Amino acid sequence: MRILFVGDVVGRAGRNAVAEHLPGLVRDWELDLVIVNGENAAGGFGITETIYQELIDAGADAITLGNHAWDQREALVFIDRAPKLIRPVNFPRGTPGRGAALIDTKSGQRALVINAMGRVFMTPFDDPFAALERELEACPLRRAADAIVVDFHCEATSEKQGIGFFCDGRASLVVGTHTHVPTADHQILPGGTAYMTDAGMTGDYDSIIGMQKDEPLRRFTSGIPSGRFEPAMGAATLSGVAVETDDATGLAVRIAPVRIGGRLEPALPGFWKE
């Protein structure tokens, strides 16, 4: 299975990059499964139903969230009629929506997509390790799903690595989101799970984690907020990770970073035609 995971889409610039590049990637790379983290897609904070549909129409098969899941209050309502929108599985019991979804891929296979959120330096919701254990036991790789992708939305690198090794051999891909900076540690773990600490953001990198620089710099230098954070609006880089799995095992055989457009050095998976 050919899988593309697209890192946190930030504001209009990020959405424009998805609209510009994703349909062609789905076609040219013959992608089976596309997952997009959309928790910053609406002005940098949350997601709306209109934006959710835009991302689906561009080629996303599933959209994951994170700590900004409910910044647009309408998400609390429309998530129940948006079967491909997935919020962290370790949110408290009774939270609207779903933390995992079995997705029909473009090739007719089935993929389990799980979103979880870390607790180090973040709101300490339920234990993500225990929540992931329940999902992996309920829908094991190859027996119930042809591929399993875990988006771990987390601040601490150590916690992301811990989740990677915890899921090794039981998931096709574990990829981190939230910090908006792509890491260079993409690898296949000993048990066969593809791993990357952070996929980076799909947004304008002439910014401070996707936001116009003036207000964050003012707060850093004075400690005084004087306005809202606003998304940077320059040319965005589509950032993410490409993974190919073995259909017999569901485990990864290839992984590569993806960076297209904007300011960052381009990166494309050499194992797929361009």
C-alpha atoms as a PDB file:
ATOM      1  CA  MET A   1       0.000   0.000   0.000  1.00  0.00           C
ATOM      2  CA  ARG A   2       1.214   3.508  -0.841  1.00  0.00           C
ATOM      3  CA  ILE A   3       0.566   5.934   2.002  1.00  0.00           C
ATOM      4  CA  LEU A   4       1.085   9.687   2.165  1.00  0.00           C
ATOM      5  CA  PHE A   5       0.773  11.493   5.488  1.00  0.00           C
ATOM      6  CA  VAL A   6       0.568  15.302   5.280  1.00  0.00           C
ATOM      7  CA  GLY A   7       1.659  17.295   8.329  1.00  0.00           C
ATOM      8  CA  ASP A   8      -0.376  19.960  10.119  1.00  0.00           C
ATOM      9  CA  VAL A   9      -2.105  22.207   7.565  1.00  0.00           C
ATOM     10  CA  VAL A  10      -1.811  25.793   8.832  1.00  0.00           C
ATOM     11  CA  GLY A  11      -4.304  28.374   7.619  1.00  0.00           C
ATOM     12  CA  ARG A  12      -5.108  29.413   4.083  1.00  0.00           C
ATOM     13  CA  ALA A  13      -1.501  29.099   2.896  1.00  0.00           C
ATOM     14  CA  GLY A  14      -1.423  25.455   3.952  1.00  0.00           C
ATOM     15  CA  ARG A  15      -4.804  24.758   2.415  1.00  0.00           C
ATOM     16  CA  ASN A  16      -3.669  26.336  -0.845  1.00  0.00           C
ATOM     17  CA  ALA A  17      -0.627  24.028  -0.900  1.00  0.00           C
ATOM     18  CA  VAL A  18      -2.842  20.981  -0.388  1.00  0.00           C
ATOM     19  CA  ALA A  19      -5.207  22.091  -3.155  1.00  0.00           C
ATOM     20  CA  GLU A  20      -2.303  22.784  -5.501  1.00  0.00           C
ATOM     21  CA  HIS A  21      -0.223  19.661  -4.951  1.00  0.00           C
ATOM     22  CA  LEU A  22      -2.267  16.824  -3.457  1.00  0.00           C
ATOM     23  CA  PRO A  23      -4.512  15.892  -6.397  1.00  0.00           C
ATOM     24  CA  GLY A  24      -1.467  15.485  -8.659  1.00  0.00           C
ATOM     25  CA  LEU A  25       0.395  13.430  -6.048  1.00  0.00           C
ATOM     26  CA  VAL A  26      -2.565  11.084  -5.672  1.00  0.00           C
ATOM     27  CA  ARG A  27      -2.551  10.586  -9.441  1.00  0.00           C
ATOM     28  CA  ASP A  28       1.183  10.495 -10.167  1.00  0.00           C
ATOM     29  CA  TRP A  29       2.229   8.421  -7.177  1.00  0.00           C
ATOM     30  CA  GLU A  30      -0.838   6.171  -7.396  1.00  0.00           C
ATOM     31  CA  LEU A  31      -1.535   6.696  -3.714  1.00  0.00           C
ATOM     32  CA  ASP A  32      -3.800   4.280  -1.884  1.00  0.00           C
ATOM     33  CA  LEU A  33      -4.199   6.222   1.362  1.00  0.00           C
ATOM     34  CA  VAL A  34      -3.789   9.922   2.157  1.00  0.00           C
ATOM     35  CA  ILE A  35      -4.040  11.221   5.728  1.00  0.00           C
ATOM     36  CA  VAL A  36      -3.924  14.942   6.499  1.00  0.00           C
ATOM     37  CA  ASN A  37      -3.604  16.547   9.918  1.00  0.00           C
ATOM     38  CA  GLY A  38      -6.116  19.400   9.814  1.00  0.00           C
ATOM     39  CA  GLU A  39      -6.187  20.767  13.358  1.00  0.00           C
ATOM     40  CA  ASN A  40      -4.719  24.157  12.342  1.00  0.00           C
ATOM     41  CA  ALA A  41      -6.479  24.454   8.999  1.00  0.00           C
ATOM     42  CA  ALA A  42      -8.994  27.170   9.962  1.00  0.00           C
ATOM     43  CA  GLY A  43      -6.972  30.344  10.480  1.00  0.00           C
ATOM     44  CA  GLY A  44      -4.379  28.332  12.398  1.00  0.00           C
ATOM     45  CA  PHE A  45      -6.864  27.130  15.013  1.00  0.00           C
ATOM     46  CA  GLY A  46      -9.175  24.160  14.488  1.00  0.00           C
ATOM     47  CA  ILE A  47     -11.198  23.053  11.491  1.00  0.00           C
ATOM     48  CA  THR A  48     -14.596  23.862   9.979  1.00  0.00           C
ATOM     49  CA  GLU A  49     -16.936  21.598   8.060  1.00  0.00           C
ATOM     50  CA  THR A  50     -16.263  23.502   4.841  1.00  0.00           C
ATOM     51  CA  ILE A  51     -12.507  23.060   5.224  1.00  0.00           C
ATOM     52  CA  TYR A  52     -12.932  19.399   6.133  1.00  0.00           C
ATOM     53  CA  GLN A  53     -14.783  18.879   2.851  1.00  0.00           C
ATOM     54  CA  GLU A  54     -12.151  20.854   0.899  1.00  0.00           C
ATOM     55  CA  LEU A  55      -9.416  18.536   2.178  1.00  0.00           C
ATOM     56  CA  ILE A  56     -11.477  15.445   1.358  1.00  0.00           C
ATOM     57  CA  ASP A  57     -12.169  16.788  -2.130  1.00  0.00           C
ATOM     58  CA  ALA A  58      -8.422  17.389  -2.658  1.00  0.00           C
ATOM     59  CA  GLY A  59      -7.707  13.699  -2.036  1.00  0.00           C
ATOM     60  CA  ALA A  60      -7.547  13.118   1.726  1.00  0.00           C
ATOM     61  CA  ASP A  61      -9.004   9.814   2.899  1.00  0.00           C
ATOM     62  CA  ALA A  62      -8.819  10.738   6.590  1.00  0.00           C
ATOM     63  CA  ILE A  63      -8.213  13.927   8.563  1.00  0.00           C
ATOM     64  CA  THR A  64      -6.680  13.871  12.028  1.00  0.00           C
ATOM     65  CA  LEU A  65      -6.767  16.532  14.731  1.00  0.00           C
ATOM     66  CA  GLY A  66      -5.012  17.389  18.011  1.00  0.00           C
ATOM     67  CA  ASN A  67      -5.099  19.904  20.844  1.00  0.00           C
ATOM     68  CA  HIS A  68      -6.868  22.530  18.692  1.00  0.00           C
ATOM     69  CA  ALA A  69      -9.649  20.101  17.734  1.00  0.00           C
ATOM     70  CA  TRP A  70     -12.444  22.226  19.219  1.00  0.00           C
ATOM     71  CA  ASP A  71     -11.122  25.754  18.586  1.00  0.00           C
ATOM     72  CA  GLN A  72     -13.847  26.093  15.955  1.00  0.00           C
ATOM     73  CA  ARG A  73     -16.871  25.244  18.048  1.00  0.00           C
ATOM     74  CA  GLU A  74     -18.818  23.875  15.092  1.00  0.00           C
ATOM     75  CA  ALA A  75     -16.434  20.907  15.077  1.00  0.00           C
ATOM     76  CA  LEU A  76     -18.124  19.602  18.228  1.00  0.00           C
ATOM     77  CA  VAL A  77     -21.286  19.153  16.168  1.00  0.00           C
ATOM     78  CA  PHE A  78     -20.235  18.301  12.638  1.00  0.00           C
ATOM     79  CA  ILE A  79     -17.638  15.697  13.661  1.00  0.00           C
ATOM     80  CA  ASP A  80     -20.462  13.210  14.226  1.00  0.00           C
ATOM     81  CA  ARG A  81     -21.475  13.465  10.556  1.00  0.00           C
ATOM     82  CA  ALA A  82     -17.868  13.513   9.312  1.00  0.00           C
ATOM     83  CA  PRO A  83     -16.787   9.846   9.391  1.00  0.00           C
ATOM     84  CA  LYS A  84     -13.281  10.584   8.133  1.00  0.00           C
ATOM     85  CA  LEU A  85     -12.529  13.202  10.813  1.00  0.00           C
ATOM     86  CA  ILE A  86     -10.597  11.679  13.710  1.00  0.00           C
ATOM     87  CA  ARG A  87      -9.841  13.393  17.039  1.00  0.00           C
ATOM     88  CA  PRO A  88      -7.434  12.095  19.714  1.00  0.00           C
ATOM     89  CA  VAL A  89      -8.530   8.696  20.984  1.00  0.00           C
ATOM     90  CA  ASN A  90      -7.473   9.520  24.552  1.00  0.00           C
ATOM     91  CA  PHE A  91      -9.801  12.493  24.937  1.00  0.00           C
ATOM     92  CA  PRO A  92     -12.127  11.909  27.929  1.00  0.00           C
ATOM     93  CA  ARG A  93     -14.994   9.456  27.662  1.00  0.00           C
ATOM     94  CA  GLY A  94     -18.064  11.132  26.173  1.00  0.00           C
ATOM     95  CA  THR A  95     -16.139  13.507  23.901  1.00  0.00           C
ATOM     96  CA  PRO A  96     -17.890  13.829  20.512  1.00  0.00           C
ATOM     97  CA  GLY A  97     -16.489  12.020  17.503  1.00  0.00           C
ATOM     98  CA  ARG A  98     -14.116   9.103  17.181  1.00  0.00           C
ATOM     99  CA  GLY A  99     -10.461   8.501  17.958  1.00  0.00           C
ATOM    100  CA  ALA A 100      -9.980   5.795  15.336  1.00  0.00           C
ATOM    101  CA  ALA A 101     -11.629   4.911  12.035  1.00  0.00           C
ATOM    102  CA  LEU A 102     -11.414   2.019   9.611  1.00  0.00           C
ATOM    103  CA  ILE A 103     -11.017   3.713   6.231  1.00  0.00           C
ATOM    104  CA  ASP A 104     -11.699   2.248   2.794  1.00  0.00           C
ATOM    105  CA  THR A 105      -8.619   3.103   0.729  1.00  0.00           C
ATOM    106  CA  LYS A 106      -8.541   4.117  -2.918  1.00  0.00           C
ATOM    107  CA  SER A 107      -7.435   0.572  -3.816  1.00  0.00           C
ATOM    108  CA  GLY A 108     -10.204  -1.128  -1.877  1.00  0.00           C
ATOM    109  CA  GLN A 109      -8.065  -2.194   1.080  1.00  0.00           C
ATOM    110  CA  ARG A 110      -8.901  -1.151   4.623  1.00  0.00           C
ATOM    111  CA  ALA A 111      -6.720   0.997   6.862  1.00  0.00           C
ATOM    112  CA  LEU A 112      -7.135   1.793  10.528  1.00  0.00           C
ATOM    113  CA  VAL A 113      -6.260   5.416  11.283  1.00  0.00           C
ATOM    114  CA  ILE A 114      -5.718   6.329  14.939  1.00  0.00           C
ATOM    115  CA  ASN A 115      -5.109   9.786  16.399  1.00  0.00           C
ATOM    116  CA  ALA A 116      -3.676  10.113  19.913  1.00  0.00           C
ATOM    117  CA  MET A 117      -2.306  13.007  21.943  1.00  0.00           C
ATOM    118  CA  GLY A 118       0.709  13.162  24.231  1.00  0.00           C
ATOM    119  CA  ARG A 119       0.693  14.225  27.876  1.00  0.00           C
ATOM    120  CA  VAL A 120       4.217  15.616  28.384  1.00  0.00           C
ATOM    121  CA  PHE A 121       4.054  19.461  28.281  1.00  0.00           C
ATOM    122  CA  MET A 122       0.418  19.176  27.142  1.00  0.00           C
ATOM    123  CA  THR A 123      -3.008  18.780  28.753  1.00  0.00           C
ATOM    124  CA  PRO A 124      -2.787  15.424  30.590  1.00  0.00           C
ATOM    125  CA  PHE A 125      -5.693  13.571  29.023  1.00  0.00           C
ATOM    126  CA  ASP A 126      -6.094   9.792  29.334  1.00  0.00           C
ATOM    127  CA  ASP A 127      -3.062   7.536  28.945  1.00  0.00           C
ATOM    128  CA  PRO A 128      -2.245   7.373  25.199  1.00  0.00           C
ATOM    129  CA  PHE A 129      -0.353   4.102  25.579  1.00  0.00           C
ATOM    130  CA  ALA A 130      -3.364   2.356  27.113  1.00  0.00           C
ATOM    131  CA  ALA A 131      -5.722   3.890  24.533  1.00  0.00           C
ATOM    132  CA  LEU A 132      -3.519   2.748  21.642  1.00  0.00           C
ATOM    133  CA  GLU A 133      -3.219  -0.721  23.161  1.00  0.00           C
ATOM    134  CA  ARG A 134      -7.003  -1.053  23.141  1.00  0.00           C
ATOM    135  CA  GLU A 135      -7.277   0.042  19.488  1.00  0.00           C
ATOM    136  CA  LEU A 136      -4.430  -2.210  18.293  1.00  0.00           C
ATOM    137  CA  GLU A 137      -5.870  -5.213  20.105  1.00  0.00           C
ATOM    138  CA  ALA A 138      -9.375  -4.565  18.764  1.00  0.00           C
ATOM    139  CA  CYS A 139      -8.228  -4.220  15.146  1.00  0.00           C
ATOM    140  CA  PRO A 140      -4.914  -6.031  14.662  1.00  0.00           C
ATOM    141  CA  LEU A 141      -2.746  -5.486  11.631  1.00  0.00           C
ATOM    142  CA  ARG A 142      -3.448  -7.884   8.724  1.00  0.00           C
ATOM    143  CA  ARG A 143      -6.163  -9.767  10.623  1.00  0.00           C
ATOM    144  CA  ALA A 144      -8.564  -6.802  10.638  1.00  0.00           C
ATOM    145  CA  ALA A 145      -6.759  -4.004   8.778  1.00  0.00           C
ATOM    146  CA  ASP A 146      -4.414  -4.005   5.793  1.00  0.00           C
ATOM    147  CA  ALA A 147      -2.524  -1.030   7.240  1.00  0.00           C
ATOM    148  CA  ILE A 148      -2.543   0.922  10.503  1.00  0.00           C
ATOM    149  CA  VAL A 149      -1.420   4.545  10.789  1.00  0.00           C
ATOM    150  CA  VAL A 150      -0.969   6.341  14.113  1.00  0.00           C
ATOM    151  CA  ASP A 151      -0.813  10.144  14.203  1.00  0.00           C
ATOM    152  CA  PHE A 152       0.660  10.972  17.608  1.00  0.00           C
ATOM    153  CA  HIS A 153       0.057  14.662  18.324  1.00  0.00           C
ATOM    154  CA  CYS A 154       2.650  15.477  20.932  1.00  0.00           C
ATOM    155  CA  GLU A 155       5.189  18.041  22.156  1.00  0.00           C
ATOM    156  CA  ALA A 156       7.945  15.848  23.620  1.00  0.00           C
ATOM    157  CA  THR A 157      10.273  13.968  21.283  1.00  0.00           C
ATOM    158  CA  SER A 158      10.865  11.281  23.914  1.00  0.00           C
ATOM    159  CA  GLU A 159       7.150  10.543  24.233  1.00  0.00           C
ATOM    160  CA  LYS A 160       6.813  10.308  20.453  1.00  0.00           C
ATOM    161  CA  GLN A 161       9.713   7.863  20.295  1.00  0.00           C
ATOM    162  CA  GLY A 162       8.180   5.869  23.119  1.00  0.00           C
ATOM    163  CA  ILE A 163       4.920   5.526  21.196  1.00  0.00           C
ATOM    164  CA  GLY A 164       6.879   4.497  18.092  1.00  0.00           C
ATOM    165  CA  PHE A 165       8.569   1.598  19.842  1.00  0.00           C
ATOM    166  CA  PHE A 166       5.371   0.717  21.733  1.00  0.00           C
ATOM    167  CA  CYS A 167       3.590   0.253  18.386  1.00  0.00           C
ATOM    168  CA  ASP A 168       6.543  -1.309  16.545  1.00  0.00           C
ATOM    169  CA  GLY A 169       5.488  -4.415  14.651  1.00  0.00           C
ATOM    170  CA  ARG A 170       1.799  -3.626  15.196  1.00  0.00           C
ATOM    171  CA  ALA A 171       1.383  -0.524  13.024  1.00  0.00           C
ATOM    172  CA  SER A 172       2.446   0.377   9.499  1.00  0.00           C
ATOM    173  CA  LEU A 173       3.366   3.974  10.391  1.00  0.00           C
ATOM    174  CA  VAL A 174       3.710   6.035  13.543  1.00  0.00           C
ATOM    175  CA  VAL A 175       4.190   9.716  12.742  1.00  0.00           C
ATOM    176  CA  GLY A 176       4.369  12.694  15.055  1.00  0.00           C
ATOM    177  CA  THR A 177       2.572  15.988  14.589  1.00  0.00           C
ATOM    178  CA  HIS A 178       2.170  19.256  16.558  1.00  0.00           C
ATOM    179  CA  THR A 179       5.651  20.851  16.617  1.00  0.00           C
ATOM    180  CA  HIS A 180       5.432  22.044  12.972  1.00  0.00           C
ATOM    181  CA  VAL A 181       9.093  21.285  12.215  1.00  0.00           C
ATOM    182  CA  PRO A 182       9.988  18.255  10.036  1.00  0.00           C
ATOM    183  CA  THR A 183      12.527  15.913  11.598  1.00  0.00           C
ATOM    184  CA  ALA A 184      15.257  13.982   9.808  1.00  0.00           C
ATOM    185  CA  ASP A 185      14.827  10.675  11.661  1.00  0.00           C
ATOM    186  CA  HIS A 186      12.485   8.864   9.264  1.00  0.00           C
ATOM    187  CA  GLN A 187      13.260   5.157   9.576  1.00  0.00           C
ATOM    188  CA  ILE A 188      11.799   1.683   9.756  1.00  0.00           C
ATOM    189  CA  LEU A 189      11.937   0.412  13.324  1.00  0.00           C
ATOM    190  CA  PRO A 190      13.227  -3.119  14.095  1.00  0.00           C
ATOM    191  CA  GLY A 191       9.719  -4.627  14.096  1.00  0.00           C
ATOM    192  CA  GLY A 192       8.803  -3.136  10.725  1.00  0.00           C
ATOM    193  CA  THR A 193       6.914   0.031  11.661  1.00  0.00           C
ATOM    194  CA  ALA A 194       7.788   3.193   9.737  1.00  0.00           C
ATOM    195  CA  TYR A 195       8.497   6.102  12.086  1.00  0.00           C
ATOM    196  CA  MET A 196       9.109   9.863  11.928  1.00  0.00           C
ATOM    197  CA  THR A 197       9.157  12.080  15.011  1.00  0.00           C
ATOM    198  CA  ASP A 198       7.428  14.990  13.271  1.00  0.00           C
ATOM    199  CA  ALA A 199       6.056  15.328   9.752  1.00  0.00           C
ATOM    200  CA  GLY A 200       6.368  19.114   9.881  1.00  0.00           C
ATOM    201  CA  MET A 201       3.670  21.566   8.912  1.00  0.00           C
ATOM    202  CA  THR A 202       2.064  22.314   5.594  1.00  0.00           C
ATOM    203  CA  GLY A 203       2.324  26.068   5.791  1.00  0.00           C
ATOM    204  CA  ASP A 204       4.514  29.124   5.243  1.00  0.00           C
ATOM    205  CA  TYR A 205       7.922  28.536   6.850  1.00  0.00           C
ATOM    206  CA  ASP A 206       8.740  32.269   6.748  1.00  0.00           C
ATOM    207  CA  SER A 207       6.976  32.335  10.111  1.00  0.00           C
ATOM    208  CA  ILE A 208       7.103  31.170  13.699  1.00  0.00           C
ATOM    209  CA  ILE A 209       5.498  27.717  13.524  1.00  0.00           C
ATOM    210  CA  GLY A 210       3.137  28.988  10.846  1.00  0.00           C
ATOM    211  CA  MET A 211       2.220  32.307  12.450  1.00  0.00           C
ATOM    212  CA  GLN A 212       3.184  35.811  11.340  1.00  0.00           C
ATOM    213  CA  LYS A 213       6.348  36.693  13.228  1.00  0.00           C
ATOM    214  CA  ASP A 214       5.545  40.085  14.815  1.00  0.00           C
ATOM    215  CA  GLU A 215       3.187  38.996  17.584  1.00  0.00           C
ATOM    216  CA  PRO A 216       5.202  35.955  18.751  1.00  0.00           C
ATOM    217  CA  LEU A 217       8.405  38.039  18.751  1.00  0.00           C
ATOM    218  CA  ARG A 218       6.673  40.802  20.718  1.00  0.00           C
ATOM    219  CA  ARG A 219       5.554  38.295  23.323  1.00  0.00           C
ATOM    220  CA  PHE A 220       9.000  36.699  23.510  1.00  0.00           C
ATOM    221  CA  THR A 221      10.759  40.041  23.980  1.00  0.00           C
ATOM    222  CA  SER A 222       8.245  41.875  26.174  1.00  0.00           C
ATOM    223  CA  GLY A 223       6.033  39.201  27.698  1.00  0.00           C
ATOM    224  CA  ILE A 224       3.019  41.300  26.738  1.00  0.00           C
ATOM    225  CA  PRO A 225       0.402  40.075  24.255  1.00  0.00           C
ATOM    226  CA  SER A 226      -0.891  42.844  22.011  1.00  0.00           C
ATOM    227  CA  GLY A 227      -2.954  40.975  19.435  1.00  0.00           C
ATOM    228  CA  ARG A 228      -3.995  37.660  17.939  1.00  0.00           C
ATOM    229  CA  PHE A 229      -1.704  35.143  16.348  1.00  0.00           C
ATOM    230  CA  GLU A 230      -2.366  35.278  12.602  1.00  0.00           C
ATOM    231  CA  PRO A 231      -1.266  32.622  10.088  1.00  0.00           C
ATOM    232  CA  ALA A 232       1.557  33.551   7.721  1.00  0.00           C
ATOM    233  CA  MET A 233       0.284  33.906   4.184  1.00  0.00           C
ATOM    234  CA  GLY A 234       3.365  33.318   2.003  1.00  0.00           C
ATOM    235  CA  ALA A 235       4.039  30.349  -0.245  1.00  0.00           C
ATOM    236  CA  ALA A 236       3.622  27.161   1.773  1.00  0.00           C
ATOM    237  CA  THR A 237       5.610  23.946   1.812  1.00  0.00           C
ATOM    238  CA  LEU A 238       3.599  20.728   1.750  1.00  0.00           C
ATOM    239  CA  SER A 239       5.434  18.621   4.343  1.00  0.00           C
ATOM    240  CA  GLY A 240       4.870  15.012   5.221  1.00  0.00           C
ATOM    241  CA  VAL A 241       6.072  11.458   4.872  1.00  0.00           C
ATOM    242  CA  ALA A 242       5.613   8.742   2.243  1.00  0.00           C
ATOM    243  CA  VAL A 243       5.456   5.073   3.196  1.00  0.00           C
ATOM    244  CA  GLU A 244       5.081   1.884   1.207  1.00  0.00           C
ATOM    245  CA  THR A 245       3.922  -1.257   2.968  1.00  0.00           C
ATOM    246  CA  ASP A 246       4.128  -4.973   2.219  1.00  0.00           C
ATOM    247  CA  ASP A 247       0.628  -6.216   1.444  1.00  0.00           C
ATOM    248  CA  ALA A 248       1.439  -9.594   2.975  1.00  0.00           C
ATOM    249  CA  THR A 249       2.341  -8.180   6.411  1.00  0.00           C
ATOM    250  CA  GLY A 250       1.056  -4.607   6.481  1.00  0.00           C
ATOM    251  CA  LEU A 251       4.470  -3.484   7.698  1.00  0.00           C
ATOM    252  CA  ALA A 252       6.648  -0.841   6.070  1.00  0.00           C
ATOM    253  CA  VAL A 253       9.239  -1.552   3.417  1.00  0.00           C
ATOM    254  CA  ARG A 254      10.083   2.050   2.455  1.00  0.00           C
ATOM    255  CA  ILE A 255       9.829   5.492   4.029  1.00  0.00           C
ATOM    256  CA  ALA A 256      10.859   8.942   2.791  1.00  0.00           C
ATOM    257  CA  PRO A 257      10.194  12.574   3.722  1.00  0.00           C
ATOM    258  CA  VAL A 258       8.066  14.743   1.457  1.00  0.00           C
ATOM    259  CA  ARG A 259       8.584  18.496   1.049  1.00  0.00           C
ATOM    260  CA  ILE A 260       7.117  20.331  -1.945  1.00  0.00           C
ATOM    261  CA  GLY A 261       7.011  24.075  -2.651  1.00  0.00           C
ATOM    262  CA  GLY A 262       7.673  27.047  -0.425  1.00  0.00           C
ATOM    263  CA  ARG A 263      10.985  27.756   1.303  1.00  0.00           C
ATOM    264  CA  LEU A 264      12.225  24.343   2.402  1.00  0.00           C
ATOM    265  CA  GLU A 265      14.618  22.158   0.438  1.00  0.00           C
ATOM    266  CA  PRO A 266      12.485  19.828  -1.717  1.00  0.00           C
ATOM    267  CA  ALA A 267      12.278  16.147  -0.822  1.00  0.00           C
ATOM    268  CA  LEU A 268      10.523  13.466  -2.844  1.00  0.00           C
ATOM    269  CA  PRO A 269      10.354   9.684  -2.423  1.00  0.00           C
ATOM    270  CA  GLY A 270      12.724   8.230  -5.010  1.00  0.00           C
ATOM    271  CA  PHE A 271      10.959   4.865  -4.905  1.00  0.00           C
ATOM    272  CA  TRP A 272       7.805   6.204  -6.621  1.00  0.00           C
ATOM    273  CA  LYS A 273       7.618   7.659 -10.086  1.00  0.00           C
ATOM    274  CA  GLU A 274       7.529  11.443 -10.179  1.00  0.00           C
END
